[in-house]
Amino acid sequence: MSDLPIDAQITFVYTGDLARSARFYESILGLPLAVDQGTCRIYRVLDRHAYLGLCQRDGAPEVASGIIITLVTNDVDGWYERITSLGWECEHRPRRNDRYKIYHFFLRDPSGYLIEIQRFDSADWDTS
């Protein structure tokens, strides 16, 4: 670990339709808005340390590839029920992945970013 402090982490992704993506992250995932910068919106994912930023960009890919936004929770089934009850389609029901020792499911945001909701079933996962 670096000797220099890191106070928070933000992952930024591009969207061609910021308003539609914002509705998804606010209404479907229920993430609280931390900062509205006009063409970028930053959402709090965890306390005051992990954030997800959406930035409006012309020419943003229709379907984003190569990126997975993973949200870790012990209540994977609760998240699945919430998301599907709000009318959002998931790629599959929650299931176990023995290779990675996780329980998870996938969905896509309005810009096509793959979102994984997962729980680590291994004691190796350090949450401290």
Foldseek 3Di string as FASTA:
>chain_A
DDPDDDQADEAEAEDQDVVQLVCCCCPQVNFDWDDDPPQKTWTDQDDRHYIYMYGHDPPRAQADPDDEAEREDPPQVVSVCSNVVVPFDWPDHWDADVVQQKTWTWGAGRSNHIYIYIYHNDPPDDPD
